[in-house]
Amino acid sequence: MKLSEYQWSQNPRGMHNQGAPDLNRVFSQKFGWMKLVALGSDYVSLCPQLLANNVTPIVRIYRPQHSGVPIDPEMRQNFLDYLRVGVKWFEIYNEPNLGIEWPNGANFDPMNTHAVIAPICNHWLDWAEFIIENGGYPGFIPLSEAGGGWENTTTWINQLCLYMFDNHYNRFLQVIHNGFWIP
């Protein structure tokens, strides 16, 4: 996919929702994108209106403490609901470099490739291929900006990329060439 083939508003101004978005504010301030963190298909009905006003919806289906877990059938259906109304930009997982995004007491050390990095990457790659197969653009695993210890963003990026390159190079390359983007 060429960069010119991406469908988006071509306006880099945007905002992240905190609850139901105020569409009047989004439109009056001429935002080009709106990140919608949803528990399910909550915002499907808003997306056609966003798209009609040249606002690119970016949807992250959120589940508490969901890091490293595959998407379930309900989440899969939620993504399909958004795809059906024209949404193309998606994310999964919510800042897995933060301890609060893991089950209580979980070891989320990014140097623990087998128990931490591998499950996130493997499940993300399956999800990304599903999104592409259905006409969407998968965002890479969204991380919080954090420094130090297990939460260090740079360490996480290094470990995620090394795992992908060492274990799924060809699959990852296909995702990169077919709609991949970095949140």
N, C-alpha and C. Protein backbone atom coordinates (compact mmCIF):
# COMPACT_ATOMS: atom_id res chain seq x y z
N MET A 1 0.84 -1.17 0.00
CA MET A 1 0.00 0.00 0.00
C MET A 1 0.88 1.24 0.00
N LYS A 2 0.58 2.17 -0.86
CA LYS A 2 1.31 3.44 -0.91
C LYS A 2 0.68 4.41 0.09
N LEU A 3 1.51 5.29 0.60
CA LEU A 3 1.02 6.28 1.56
C LEU A 3 -0.15 7.07 0.97
N SER A 4 -0.11 7.35 -0.31
CA SER A 4 -1.18 8.11 -0.96
C SER A 4 -2.49 7.34 -1.03
N GLU A 5 -2.46 6.02 -0.79
CA GLU A 5 -3.68 5.21 -0.85
C GLU A 5 -4.44 5.16 0.48
N TYR A 6 -3.80 5.61 1.55
CA TYR A 6 -4.49 5.65 2.84
C TYR A 6 -5.70 6.57 2.75
N GLN A 7 -6.79 6.15 3.37
CA GLN A 7 -7.97 7.01 3.45
C GLN A 7 -7.98 7.67 4.82
N TRP A 8 -7.87 8.99 4.83
CA TRP A 8 -7.95 9.75 6.07
C TRP A 8 -8.27 11.19 5.73
N SER A 9 -8.51 11.99 6.74
CA SER A 9 -8.97 13.37 6.55
C SER A 9 -7.89 14.30 6.02
N GLN A 10 -6.63 13.92 6.13
CA GLN A 10 -5.48 14.75 5.76
C GLN A 10 -5.40 16.00 6.64
N ASN A 11 -5.93 15.89 7.84
CA ASN A 11 -5.89 16.96 8.82
C ASN A 11 -5.31 16.34 10.10
N PRO A 12 -4.12 16.76 10.53
CA PRO A 12 -3.48 16.11 11.68
C PRO A 12 -4.04 16.51 13.04
N ARG A 13 -4.97 17.45 13.11
CA ARG A 13 -5.54 17.87 14.40
C ARG A 13 -6.60 16.87 14.85
N GLY A 14 -6.53 16.46 16.10
CA GLY A 14 -7.51 15.51 16.58
C GLY A 14 -7.61 15.49 18.08
N MET A 15 -8.44 14.60 18.57
CA MET A 15 -8.61 14.47 20.02
C MET A 15 -9.00 13.04 20.39
N HIS A 16 -8.78 12.73 21.64
CA HIS A 16 -9.06 11.42 22.24
C HIS A 16 -10.31 11.58 23.09
N ASN A 17 -11.27 10.67 22.92
CA ASN A 17 -12.50 10.81 23.70
C ASN A 17 -12.31 10.47 25.17
N GLN A 18 -13.15 11.09 25.98
CA GLN A 18 -13.34 10.72 27.38
C GLN A 18 -14.85 10.61 27.53
N GLY A 19 -15.37 9.43 27.28
CA GLY A 19 -16.81 9.25 27.22
C GLY A 19 -17.32 9.61 25.84
N ALA A 20 -18.62 9.81 25.74
CA ALA A 20 -19.22 10.13 24.44
C ALA A 20 -18.68 11.47 23.94
N PRO A 21 -18.19 11.52 22.71
CA PRO A 21 -17.62 12.77 22.21
C PRO A 21 -18.70 13.82 21.92
N ASP A 22 -18.32 15.07 22.08
CA ASP A 22 -19.17 16.20 21.73
C ASP A 22 -18.91 16.52 20.26
N LEU A 23 -19.77 16.03 19.38
CA LEU A 23 -19.55 16.20 17.94
C LEU A 23 -19.55 17.66 17.53
N ASN A 24 -20.34 18.50 18.18
CA ASN A 24 -20.32 19.93 17.84
C ASN A 24 -18.93 20.51 18.07
N ARG A 25 -18.29 20.12 19.15
CA ARG A 25 -16.93 20.59 19.43
C ARG A 25 -15.96 20.05 18.39
N VAL A 26 -16.08 18.77 18.07
CA VAL A 26 -15.19 18.15 17.07
C VAL A 26 -15.29 18.90 15.75
N PHE A 27 -16.52 19.17 15.31
CA PHE A 27 -16.72 19.82 14.02
C PHE A 27 -16.37 21.30 14.06
N SER A 28 -16.74 22.01 15.13
CA SER A 28 -16.47 23.45 15.19
C SER A 28 -14.97 23.74 15.29
N GLN A 29 -14.23 22.83 15.92
CA GLN A 29 -12.78 23.04 16.04
C GLN A 29 -12.02 22.42 14.87
N LYS A 30 -12.77 21.89 13.92
CA LYS A 30 -12.21 21.36 12.68
C LYS A 30 -11.14 20.29 12.91
N PHE A 31 -11.47 19.35 13.80
CA PHE A 31 -10.56 18.23 14.02
C PHE A 31 -10.56 17.33 12.80
N GLY A 32 -9.44 16.68 12.55
CA GLY A 32 -9.32 15.77 11.41
C GLY A 32 -9.45 14.31 11.81
N TRP A 33 -9.31 14.02 13.10
CA TRP A 33 -9.46 12.65 13.58
C TRP A 33 -10.01 12.67 14.99
N MET A 34 -10.61 11.56 15.35
CA MET A 34 -11.19 11.39 16.69
C MET A 34 -10.90 9.97 17.14
N LYS A 35 -10.11 9.84 18.22
CA LYS A 35 -9.86 8.50 18.77
C LYS A 35 -11.00 8.14 19.69
N LEU A 36 -11.63 7.01 19.39
CA LEU A 36 -12.77 6.52 20.16
C LEU A 36 -12.36 5.25 20.89
N VAL A 37 -12.20 5.34 22.20
CA VAL A 37 -11.92 4.17 23.01
C VAL A 37 -13.28 3.65 23.46
N ALA A 38 -13.62 2.46 22.99
CA ALA A 38 -14.96 1.92 23.19
C ALA A 38 -14.91 0.56 23.87
N LEU A 39 -15.94 0.26 24.63
CA LEU A 39 -16.07 -1.06 25.24
C LEU A 39 -16.67 -2.06 24.27
N GLY A 40 -17.22 -1.57 23.19
CA GLY A 40 -17.85 -2.41 22.18
C GLY A 40 -18.23 -1.58 20.99
N SER A 41 -19.45 -1.74 20.53
CA SER A 41 -19.93 -1.01 19.36
C SER A 41 -20.60 0.30 19.75
N ASP A 42 -20.23 0.85 20.90
CA ASP A 42 -20.84 2.05 21.47
C ASP A 42 -20.96 3.22 20.49
N TYR A 43 -19.93 3.43 19.68
CA TYR A 43 -19.85 4.63 18.85
C TYR A 43 -20.08 4.36 17.36
N VAL A 44 -20.54 3.18 17.02
CA VAL A 44 -20.78 2.84 15.61
C VAL A 44 -21.70 3.87 14.96
N SER A 45 -22.75 4.27 15.66
CA SER A 45 -23.73 5.19 15.06
C SER A 45 -23.16 6.59 14.83
N LEU A 46 -22.10 6.98 15.55
CA LEU A 46 -21.48 8.29 15.37
C LEU A 46 -20.52 8.33 14.18
N CYS A 47 -19.99 7.18 13.82
CA CYS A 47 -18.91 7.14 12.82
C CYS A 47 -19.32 7.64 11.44
N PRO A 48 -20.50 7.30 10.91
CA PRO A 48 -20.87 7.86 9.61
C PRO A 48 -20.91 9.39 9.62
N GLN A 49 -21.37 9.98 10.73
CA GLN A 49 -21.40 11.44 10.83
C GLN A 49 -19.98 12.01 10.89
N LEU A 50 -19.08 11.36 11.61
CA LEU A 50 -17.68 11.81 11.63
C LEU A 50 -17.10 11.75 10.23
N LEU A 51 -17.28 10.63 9.56
CA LEU A 51 -16.73 10.46 8.22
C LEU A 51 -17.32 11.48 7.24
N ALA A 52 -18.62 11.74 7.34
CA ALA A 52 -19.27 12.70 6.45
C ALA A 52 -18.74 14.12 6.65
N ASN A 53 -18.17 14.38 7.82
CA ASN A 53 -17.60 15.69 8.12
C ASN A 53 -16.07 15.69 8.05
N ASN A 54 -15.53 14.72 7.33
CA ASN A 54 -14.08 14.61 7.10
C ASN A 54 -13.28 14.46 8.39
N VAL A 55 -13.83 13.71 9.33
CA VAL A 55 -13.13 13.38 10.58
C VAL A 55 -12.88 11.88 10.56
N THR A 56 -11.63 11.49 10.66
CA THR A 56 -11.25 10.08 10.63
C THR A 56 -11.43 9.47 12.02
N PRO A 57 -12.36 8.51 12.17
CA PRO A 57 -12.48 7.83 13.46
C PRO A 57 -11.37 6.79 13.61
N ILE A 58 -10.75 6.78 14.77
CA ILE A 58 -9.75 5.77 15.12
C ILE A 58 -10.34 5.03 16.32
N VAL A 59 -10.58 3.73 16.16
CA VAL A 59 -11.30 2.98 17.19
C VAL A 59 -10.38 1.99 17.89
N ARG A 60 -10.37 2.08 19.22
CA ARG A 60 -9.70 1.08 20.05
C ARG A 60 -10.77 0.41 20.90
N ILE A 61 -10.96 -0.89 20.70
CA ILE A 61 -11.87 -1.64 21.56
C ILE A 61 -11.09 -1.95 22.84
N TYR A 62 -11.62 -1.50 23.95
CA TYR A 62 -10.93 -1.58 25.23
C TYR A 62 -11.53 -2.66 26.12
N ARG A 63 -10.65 -3.40 26.75
CA ARG A 63 -11.03 -4.31 27.82
C ARG A 63 -10.04 -4.08 28.97
N PRO A 64 -10.51 -3.93 30.20
CA PRO A 64 -9.59 -3.74 31.32
C PRO A 64 -8.65 -4.94 31.46
N GLN A 65 -7.40 -4.64 31.74
CA GLN A 65 -6.38 -5.66 32.00
C GLN A 65 -6.37 -6.74 30.91
N HIS A 66 -6.35 -6.31 29.67
CA HIS A 66 -6.48 -7.21 28.52
C HIS A 66 -5.15 -7.48 27.81
N SER A 67 -4.05 -7.01 28.34
CA SER A 67 -2.76 -7.15 27.66
C SER A 67 -2.39 -8.61 27.44
N GLY A 68 -1.98 -8.92 26.22
CA GLY A 68 -1.50 -10.26 25.88
C GLY A 68 -2.58 -11.29 25.66
N VAL A 69 -3.84 -10.87 25.60
CA VAL A 69 -4.98 -11.78 25.45
C VAL A 69 -5.52 -11.64 24.03
N PRO A 70 -5.91 -12.76 23.40
CA PRO A 70 -6.47 -12.64 22.04
C PRO A 70 -7.84 -11.95 22.06
N ILE A 71 -8.24 -11.42 20.90
CA ILE A 71 -9.58 -10.84 20.85
C ILE A 71 -10.60 -11.97 20.91
N ASP A 72 -11.69 -11.70 21.58
CA ASP A 72 -12.74 -12.71 21.71
C ASP A 72 -13.78 -12.49 20.61
N PRO A 73 -14.72 -13.42 20.44
CA PRO A 73 -15.72 -13.28 19.37
C PRO A 73 -16.52 -11.97 19.44
N GLU A 74 -16.82 -11.51 20.65
CA GLU A 74 -17.56 -10.25 20.77
C GLU A 74 -16.74 -9.07 20.24
N MET A 75 -15.45 -9.04 20.58
CA MET A 75 -14.58 -7.97 20.09
C MET A 75 -14.47 -8.03 18.57
N ARG A 76 -14.31 -9.23 18.05
CA ARG A 76 -14.23 -9.42 16.60
C ARG A 76 -15.48 -8.82 15.93
N GLN A 77 -16.63 -9.10 16.50
CA GLN A 77 -17.88 -8.55 15.96
C GLN A 77 -17.91 -7.03 16.08
N ASN A 78 -17.41 -6.50 17.19
CA ASN A 78 -17.35 -5.04 17.36
C ASN A 78 -16.52 -4.41 16.25
N PHE A 79 -15.36 -4.98 15.97
CA PHE A 79 -14.52 -4.44 14.90
C PHE A 79 -15.26 -4.50 13.56
N LEU A 80 -15.92 -5.61 13.30
CA LEU A 80 -16.68 -5.73 12.04
C LEU A 80 -17.80 -4.69 11.97
N ASP A 81 -18.44 -4.40 13.09
CA ASP A 81 -19.49 -3.37 13.11
C ASP A 81 -18.94 -2.02 12.66
N TYR A 82 -17.77 -1.66 13.17
CA TYR A 82 -17.15 -0.39 12.78
C TYR A 82 -16.69 -0.41 11.32
N LEU A 83 -16.12 -1.52 10.91
CA LEU A 83 -15.69 -1.64 9.51
C LEU A 83 -16.87 -1.48 8.56
N ARG A 84 -18.01 -2.03 8.91
CA ARG A 84 -19.20 -1.96 8.04
C ARG A 84 -19.69 -0.54 7.82
N VAL A 85 -19.44 0.37 8.75
CA VAL A 85 -19.89 1.76 8.56
C VAL A 85 -18.78 2.65 8.00
N GLY A 86 -17.67 2.05 7.59
CA GLY A 86 -16.63 2.81 6.90
C GLY A 86 -15.39 3.15 7.69
N VAL A 87 -15.33 2.75 8.96
CA VAL A 87 -14.13 3.02 9.76
C VAL A 87 -13.00 2.14 9.24
N LYS A 88 -11.79 2.71 9.15
CA LYS A 88 -10.64 1.97 8.66
C LYS A 88 -9.50 1.88 9.68
N TRP A 89 -9.42 2.81 10.61
CA TRP A 89 -8.28 2.91 11.52
C TRP A 89 -8.63 2.29 12.88
N PHE A 90 -7.77 1.33 13.32
CA PHE A 90 -8.07 0.58 14.54
C PHE A 90 -6.83 0.36 15.40
N GLU A 91 -7.09 0.15 16.69
CA GLU A 91 -6.06 -0.23 17.66
C GLU A 91 -6.61 -1.33 18.55
N ILE A 92 -5.69 -2.10 19.11
CA ILE A 92 -6.04 -3.11 20.11
C ILE A 92 -4.98 -3.01 21.22
N TYR A 93 -5.35 -3.38 22.38
CA TYR A 93 -4.53 -3.29 23.60
C TYR A 93 -4.43 -1.82 24.01
N ASN A 94 -4.30 -1.61 25.27
CA ASN A 94 -4.22 -0.26 25.81
C ASN A 94 -2.98 -0.14 26.67
N GLU A 95 -1.93 0.41 26.10
CA GLU A 95 -0.71 0.72 26.83
C GLU A 95 -0.22 -0.43 27.71
N PRO A 96 0.13 -1.56 27.10
CA PRO A 96 0.55 -2.73 27.89
C PRO A 96 1.87 -2.55 28.62
N ASN A 97 2.54 -1.43 28.42
CA ASN A 97 3.75 -1.17 29.20
C ASN A 97 3.43 -0.58 30.58
N LEU A 98 2.16 -0.46 30.90
CA LEU A 98 1.75 0.00 32.23
C LEU A 98 1.17 -1.16 33.04
N GLY A 99 1.57 -1.25 34.28
CA GLY A 99 1.11 -2.34 35.15
C GLY A 99 -0.39 -2.43 35.30
N ILE A 100 -1.08 -1.28 35.27
CA ILE A 100 -2.54 -1.29 35.45
C ILE A 100 -3.27 -1.96 34.29
N GLU A 101 -2.59 -2.20 33.19
CA GLU A 101 -3.22 -2.84 32.03
C GLU A 101 -3.03 -4.35 32.03
N TRP A 102 -2.50 -4.89 33.12
CA TRP A 102 -2.31 -6.33 33.29
C TRP A 102 -3.13 -6.82 34.48
N PRO A 103 -3.44 -8.10 34.51
CA PRO A 103 -4.11 -8.63 35.71
C PRO A 103 -3.28 -8.31 36.95
N ASN A 104 -3.94 -8.09 38.07
CA ASN A 104 -3.24 -7.74 39.31
C ASN A 104 -2.11 -8.72 39.60
N GLY A 105 -0.94 -8.16 39.88
CA GLY A 105 0.21 -8.98 40.24
C GLY A 105 0.94 -9.63 39.08
N ALA A 106 0.52 -9.36 37.85
CA ALA A 106 1.16 -9.99 36.69
C ALA A 106 2.57 -9.46 36.49
N ASN A 107 3.44 -10.35 36.06
CA ASN A 107 4.79 -9.98 35.68
C ASN A 107 4.72 -9.46 34.25
N PHE A 108 4.90 -8.16 34.07
CA PHE A 108 4.85 -7.59 32.72
C PHE A 108 6.22 -7.08 32.28
N ASP A 109 7.26 -7.71 32.77
CA ASP A 109 8.63 -7.35 32.42
C ASP A 109 8.84 -7.58 30.92
N PRO A 110 9.16 -6.54 30.15
CA PRO A 110 9.32 -6.70 28.71
C PRO A 110 10.51 -7.58 28.31
N MET A 111 11.38 -7.86 29.25
CA MET A 111 12.50 -8.76 28.95
C MET A 111 12.06 -10.22 29.05
N ASN A 112 10.85 -10.46 29.52
CA ASN A 112 10.28 -11.80 29.61
C ASN A 112 9.58 -12.09 28.28
N THR A 113 10.37 -12.47 27.31
CA THR A 113 9.86 -12.66 25.95
C THR A 113 8.77 -13.72 25.90
N HIS A 114 8.99 -14.85 26.53
CA HIS A 114 8.04 -15.97 26.43
C HIS A 114 6.66 -15.64 27.02
N ALA A 115 6.63 -15.04 28.20
CA ALA A 115 5.36 -14.83 28.89
C ALA A 115 4.72 -13.47 28.63
N VAL A 116 5.49 -12.49 28.16
CA VAL A 116 4.96 -11.13 27.99
C VAL A 116 4.95 -10.70 26.53
N ILE A 117 6.10 -10.64 25.92
CA ILE A 117 6.21 -10.11 24.55
C ILE A 117 5.60 -11.05 23.52
N ALA A 118 5.88 -12.33 23.60
CA ALA A 118 5.37 -13.28 22.60
C ALA A 118 3.84 -13.29 22.53
N PRO A 119 3.13 -13.41 23.66
CA PRO A 119 1.66 -13.41 23.54
C PRO A 119 1.10 -12.12 22.95
N ILE A 120 1.63 -10.98 23.36
CA ILE A 120 1.13 -9.71 22.81
C ILE A 120 1.36 -9.67 21.31
N CYS A 121 2.58 -9.98 20.89
CA CYS A 121 2.90 -9.92 19.45
C CYS A 121 2.11 -10.94 18.65
N ASN A 122 2.03 -12.15 19.13
CA ASN A 122 1.31 -13.20 18.39
C ASN A 122 -0.16 -12.85 18.23
N HIS A 123 -0.79 -12.42 19.31
CA HIS A 123 -2.22 -12.08 19.24
C HIS A 123 -2.44 -10.80 18.44
N TRP A 124 -1.54 -9.82 18.58
CA TRP A 124 -1.66 -8.59 17.80
C TRP A 124 -1.56 -8.90 16.31
N LEU A 125 -0.62 -9.75 15.93
CA LEU A 125 -0.43 -10.08 14.51
C LEU A 125 -1.67 -10.77 13.94
N ASP A 126 -2.24 -11.71 14.68
CA ASP A 126 -3.50 -12.35 14.23
C ASP A 126 -4.59 -11.30 14.04
N TRP A 127 -4.71 -10.39 15.00
CA TRP A 127 -5.71 -9.33 14.93
C TRP A 127 -5.44 -8.40 13.74
N ALA A 128 -4.17 -8.01 13.55
CA ALA A 128 -3.83 -7.10 12.45
C ALA A 128 -4.19 -7.71 11.10
N GLU A 129 -3.92 -8.99 10.93
CA GLU A 129 -4.28 -9.66 9.67
C GLU A 129 -5.79 -9.69 9.48
N PHE A 130 -6.53 -9.91 10.55
CA PHE A 130 -8.00 -9.87 10.49
C PHE A 130 -8.48 -8.49 10.06
N ILE A 131 -7.92 -7.44 10.64
CA ILE A 131 -8.32 -6.07 10.29
C ILE A 131 -8.03 -5.80 8.82
N ILE A 132 -6.85 -6.17 8.34
CA ILE A 132 -6.48 -5.94 6.94
C ILE A 132 -7.39 -6.73 6.01
N GLU A 133 -7.65 -7.99 6.34
CA GLU A 133 -8.53 -8.83 5.50
C GLU A 133 -9.91 -8.22 5.35
N ASN A 134 -10.31 -7.41 6.31
CA ASN A 134 -11.63 -6.80 6.28
C ASN A 134 -11.60 -5.32 5.87
N GLY A 135 -10.46 -4.88 5.32
CA GLY A 135 -10.38 -3.55 4.74
C GLY A 135 -9.94 -2.44 5.66
N GLY A 136 -9.42 -2.78 6.85
CA GLY A 136 -9.00 -1.75 7.80
C GLY A 136 -7.50 -1.62 7.90
N TYR A 137 -7.09 -0.64 8.71
CA TYR A 137 -5.68 -0.35 8.96
C TYR A 137 -5.38 -0.64 10.44
N PRO A 138 -4.51 -1.61 10.72
CA PRO A 138 -4.19 -1.92 12.12
C PRO A 138 -3.08 -1.03 12.66
N GLY A 139 -3.35 -0.40 13.79
CA GLY A 139 -2.31 0.37 14.47
C GLY A 139 -1.44 -0.57 15.29
N PHE A 140 -0.15 -0.26 15.36
CA PHE A 140 0.75 -1.07 16.17
C PHE A 140 0.34 -0.94 17.63
N ILE A 141 0.87 -1.79 18.45
CA ILE A 141 0.53 -1.86 19.87
C ILE A 141 0.77 -0.49 20.51
N PRO A 142 -0.29 0.18 20.99
CA PRO A 142 -0.13 1.53 21.53
C PRO A 142 0.47 1.50 22.93
N LEU A 143 1.56 2.21 23.09
CA LEU A 143 2.27 2.26 24.37
C LEU A 143 2.11 3.63 25.01
N SER A 144 2.19 3.66 26.31
CA SER A 144 2.22 4.91 27.05
C SER A 144 3.65 5.44 27.03
N GLU A 145 3.80 6.75 27.05
CA GLU A 145 5.13 7.32 27.19
C GLU A 145 5.54 7.17 28.65
N ALA A 146 6.53 6.34 28.89
CA ALA A 146 6.96 6.09 30.27
C ALA A 146 8.45 5.79 30.27
N GLY A 147 9.08 6.08 31.38
CA GLY A 147 10.51 5.81 31.50
C GLY A 147 10.79 5.01 32.76
N GLY A 148 11.83 4.22 32.69
CA GLY A 148 12.27 3.49 33.87
C GLY A 148 11.55 2.19 34.12
N GLY A 149 12.31 1.22 34.58
CA GLY A 149 11.74 -0.06 34.98
C GLY A 149 11.01 -0.79 33.87
N TRP A 150 10.05 -1.59 34.26
CA TRP A 150 9.31 -2.41 33.31
C TRP A 150 8.47 -1.57 32.35
N GLU A 151 8.15 -0.34 32.72
CA GLU A 151 7.27 0.49 31.89
C GLU A 151 8.00 1.26 30.81
N ASN A 152 9.31 1.20 30.74
CA ASN A 152 10.11 1.99 29.81
C ASN A 152 9.67 1.77 28.36
N THR A 153 9.20 2.83 27.73
CA THR A 153 8.65 2.75 26.37
C THR A 153 9.69 2.26 25.37
N THR A 154 10.90 2.78 25.45
CA THR A 154 11.94 2.39 24.49
C THR A 154 12.25 0.91 24.60
N THR A 155 12.34 0.39 25.81
CA THR A 155 12.58 -1.04 25.99
C THR A 155 11.46 -1.85 25.36
N TRP A 156 10.22 -1.44 25.59
CA TRP A 156 9.08 -2.15 25.00
C TRP A 156 9.13 -2.14 23.48
N ILE A 157 9.39 -0.98 22.89
CA ILE A 157 9.46 -0.90 21.42
C ILE A 157 10.54 -1.83 20.90
N ASN A 158 11.70 -1.80 21.53
CA ASN A 158 12.80 -2.68 21.10
C ASN A 158 12.39 -4.14 21.19
N GLN A 159 11.81 -4.55 22.31
CA GLN A 159 11.46 -5.95 22.50
C GLN A 159 10.35 -6.40 21.54
N LEU A 160 9.34 -5.55 21.34
CA LEU A 160 8.26 -5.89 20.42
C LEU A 160 8.79 -6.06 19.00
N CYS A 161 9.60 -5.10 18.56
CA CYS A 161 10.13 -5.17 17.19
C CYS A 161 11.10 -6.33 17.01
N LEU A 162 11.97 -6.55 17.97
CA LEU A 162 12.89 -7.69 17.87
C LEU A 162 12.13 -9.00 17.76
N TYR A 163 11.09 -9.16 18.58
CA TYR A 163 10.31 -10.39 18.53
C TYR A 163 9.65 -10.55 17.16
N MET A 164 9.05 -9.49 16.66
CA MET A 164 8.41 -9.57 15.34
C MET A 164 9.42 -9.93 14.26
N PHE A 165 10.55 -9.26 14.26
CA PHE A 165 11.56 -9.51 13.23
C PHE A 165 12.14 -10.92 13.34
N ASP A 166 12.37 -11.39 14.56
CA ASP A 166 12.98 -12.71 14.76
C ASP A 166 12.00 -13.86 14.55
N ASN A 167 10.71 -13.64 14.78
CA ASN A 167 9.75 -14.74 14.78
C ASN A 167 8.66 -14.66 13.71
N HIS A 168 8.38 -13.47 13.23
CA HIS A 168 7.27 -13.30 12.27
C HIS A 168 7.64 -12.31 11.17
N TYR A 169 8.87 -12.32 10.73
CA TYR A 169 9.34 -11.30 9.81
C TYR A 169 8.43 -11.15 8.59
N ASN A 170 8.15 -12.24 7.89
CA ASN A 170 7.35 -12.15 6.66
C ASN A 170 5.91 -11.72 6.93
N ARG A 171 5.31 -12.25 7.96
CA ARG A 171 3.93 -11.83 8.30
C ARG A 171 3.90 -10.36 8.70
N PHE A 172 4.86 -9.95 9.51
CA PHE A 172 4.92 -8.56 9.95
C PHE A 172 5.14 -7.63 8.76
N LEU A 173 6.01 -8.03 7.85
CA LEU A 173 6.26 -7.24 6.65
C LEU A 173 4.99 -7.07 5.83
N GLN A 174 4.20 -8.13 5.71
CA GLN A 174 2.93 -8.04 4.98
C GLN A 174 1.98 -7.04 5.65
N VAL A 175 1.94 -7.06 6.96
CA VAL A 175 1.09 -6.10 7.69
C VAL A 175 1.61 -4.68 7.46
N ILE A 176 2.92 -4.50 7.55
CA ILE A 176 3.51 -3.17 7.34
C ILE A 176 3.14 -2.63 5.96
N HIS A 177 3.14 -3.48 4.97
CA HIS A 177 2.86 -3.03 3.59
C HIS A 177 1.38 -2.93 3.26
N ASN A 178 0.51 -3.24 4.18
CA ASN A 178 -0.92 -3.28 3.87
C ASN A 178 -1.79 -2.52 4.87
N GLY A 179 -1.34 -1.39 5.32
CA GLY A 179 -2.19 -0.55 6.15
C GLY A 179 -1.69 -0.28 7.55
N PHE A 180 -0.61 -0.91 7.96
CA PHE A 180 -0.01 -0.71 9.29
C PHE A 180 0.25 0.78 9.54
N TRP A 181 0.05 1.19 10.78
CA TRP A 181 0.41 2.55 11.18
C TRP A 181 0.81 2.53 12.65
N ILE A 182 1.49 3.58 13.08
CA ILE A 182 1.99 3.66 14.45
C ILE A 182 1.21 4.74 15.20
N PRO A 183 0.49 4.33 16.27
CA PRO A 183 -0.29 5.31 17.06
C PRO A 183 0.60 6.33 17.75
